[in-house]
């Protein structure tokens, strides 16, 4: 699982580096760019920023999962301390809750 988490972290870091120009500030000078082009650029900027925010959140979850691995707590539900189903961890190696606790958390 550690190798998978490290691979995911590397992929996200590479994606972050390649996307850095997409969130650049949009030029508002009307003599250089038309109104619709600016609107498109602003929308693309907002989408790039949202993607960056998701990547950062995922990186934080990966770092937390790696810490849990180091601490010997990986695979245990953060709410009830019961083991998380390995198939659930295989689907999302950063998951914090077992299926029962996750269902309860979504219901509340």
Protein backbone atom coordinates (compact mmCIF):
# COMPACT_ATOMS: atom_id res chain seq x y z
CA UNK A 1 0.00 0.00 0.00
CA UNK A 2 2.91 2.34 0.75
CA UNK A 3 4.17 2.00 -2.83
CA UNK A 4 0.73 2.81 -4.20
CA UNK A 5 0.42 5.90 -1.97
CA UNK A 6 3.90 7.08 -2.96
CA UNK A 7 3.08 6.58 -6.65
CA UNK A 8 -0.16 8.54 -6.26
CA UNK A 9 1.71 11.33 -4.51
CA UNK A 10 4.28 11.53 -7.32
CA UNK A 11 1.55 11.63 -9.97
CA UNK A 12 -0.27 14.45 -8.19
CA UNK A 13 2.91 16.43 -7.68
CA UNK A 14 3.75 16.08 -11.38
CA UNK A 15 0.23 17.18 -12.34
CA UNK A 16 0.56 20.19 -10.05
CA UNK A 17 3.85 21.21 -11.67
CA UNK A 18 2.47 20.85 -15.21
CA UNK A 19 -0.71 22.82 -14.43
CA UNK A 20 0.88 25.81 -12.70
CA UNK A 21 0.45 28.12 -15.71
CA UNK A 22 -3.27 27.42 -16.00
CA UNK A 23 -4.15 29.32 -12.86
CA UNK A 24 -2.27 32.46 -13.90
CA UNK A 25 -3.93 35.84 -13.43
CA UNK A 26 -6.23 36.81 -16.31
CA UNK A 27 -5.26 39.97 -18.21
CA UNK A 28 -8.11 42.50 -18.08
CA UNK A 29 -6.79 44.88 -20.77
CA UNK A 30 -9.60 45.10 -23.36
CA UNK A 31 -7.23 46.33 -26.05
CA UNK A 32 -5.36 43.00 -25.90
CA UNK A 33 -8.15 40.49 -25.34
CA UNK A 34 -11.86 40.57 -26.17
CA UNK A 35 -14.57 40.31 -23.54
CA UNK A 36 -15.57 36.73 -24.39
CA UNK A 37 -11.94 35.61 -24.49
CA UNK A 38 -11.42 37.11 -21.03
CA UNK A 39 -14.54 35.33 -19.76
CA UNK A 40 -13.25 32.04 -21.18
CA UNK A 41 -9.85 32.66 -19.62
CA UNK A 42 -11.44 33.48 -16.26
CA UNK A 43 -13.53 30.30 -16.40
CA UNK A 44 -10.46 28.23 -17.31
CA UNK A 45 -8.58 29.89 -14.43
CA UNK A 46 -11.36 29.04 -11.97
CA UNK A 47 -11.44 25.43 -13.17
CA UNK A 48 -7.66 25.16 -12.89
CA UNK A 49 -7.79 26.57 -9.35
CA UNK A 50 -10.51 24.09 -8.36
CA UNK A 51 -8.42 21.23 -9.77
CA UNK A 52 -5.40 22.49 -7.84
CA UNK A 53 -7.46 22.63 -4.64
CA UNK A 54 -8.59 19.02 -5.16
CA UNK A 55 -5.00 17.91 -5.80
CA UNK A 56 -3.84 19.64 -2.61
CA UNK A 57 -6.60 17.98 -0.58
CA UNK A 58 -5.73 14.58 -2.03
CA UNK A 59 -2.04 15.13 -1.29
CA UNK A 60 -2.92 15.93 2.32
CA UNK A 61 -4.95 12.70 2.56
CA UNK A 62 -2.03 10.74 1.07
CA UNK A 63 0.43 12.27 3.55
CA UNK A 64 -1.95 11.43 6.41
CA UNK A 65 -2.27 7.83 5.17
CA UNK A 66 1.53 7.51 4.97
CA UNK A 67 1.78 8.80 8.55
CA UNK A 68 -0.82 6.25 9.67
CA UNK A 69 1.28 3.55 7.98
CA UNK A 70 4.37 4.73 9.87
CA UNK A 71 2.42 4.84 13.14
CA UNK A 72 0.94 1.37 12.65
CA UNK A 73 -2.61 2.75 12.50
CA UNK A 74 -3.24 2.32 8.78
CA UNK A 75 -6.34 0.33 7.92
CA UNK A 76 -8.10 1.07 11.21
CA UNK A 77 -11.30 3.09 11.25
CA UNK A 78 -10.74 6.51 12.81
CA UNK A 79 -14.17 6.37 14.46
CA UNK A 80 -14.49 2.84 15.85
CA UNK A 81 -10.93 1.43 15.63
CA UNK A 82 -12.17 -1.62 13.73
CA UNK A 83 -10.27 -2.81 10.64
CA UNK A 84 -11.35 -1.25 7.34
CA UNK A 85 -12.24 -3.76 4.63
CA UNK A 86 -9.14 -4.31 2.42
CA UNK A 87 -11.27 -3.91 -0.72
CA UNK A 88 -12.34 -0.48 0.51
CA UNK A 89 -8.69 0.45 1.07
CA UNK A 90 -7.80 -0.92 -2.35
CA UNK A 91 -10.41 1.36 -3.92
CA UNK A 92 -9.24 4.41 -1.93
CA UNK A 93 -6.03 3.95 0.05
CA UNK A 94 -6.61 7.25 1.89
CA UNK A 95 -9.99 6.30 3.37
CA UNK A 96 -10.38 7.01 7.10
CA UNK A 97 -13.62 5.22 8.01
CA UNK A 98 -15.02 1.73 7.72
CA UNK A 99 -18.15 1.42 5.61
CA UNK A 100 -20.46 1.39 8.65
CA UNK A 101 -19.00 4.57 10.15
CA UNK A 102 -18.90 6.26 6.74
CA UNK A 103 -22.58 5.44 6.22
CA UNK A 104 -23.43 6.85 9.65
CA UNK A 105 -21.41 10.02 8.94
CA UNK A 106 -23.22 10.56 5.62
CA UNK A 107 -26.59 10.02 7.25
CA UNK A 108 -26.08 12.67 9.91
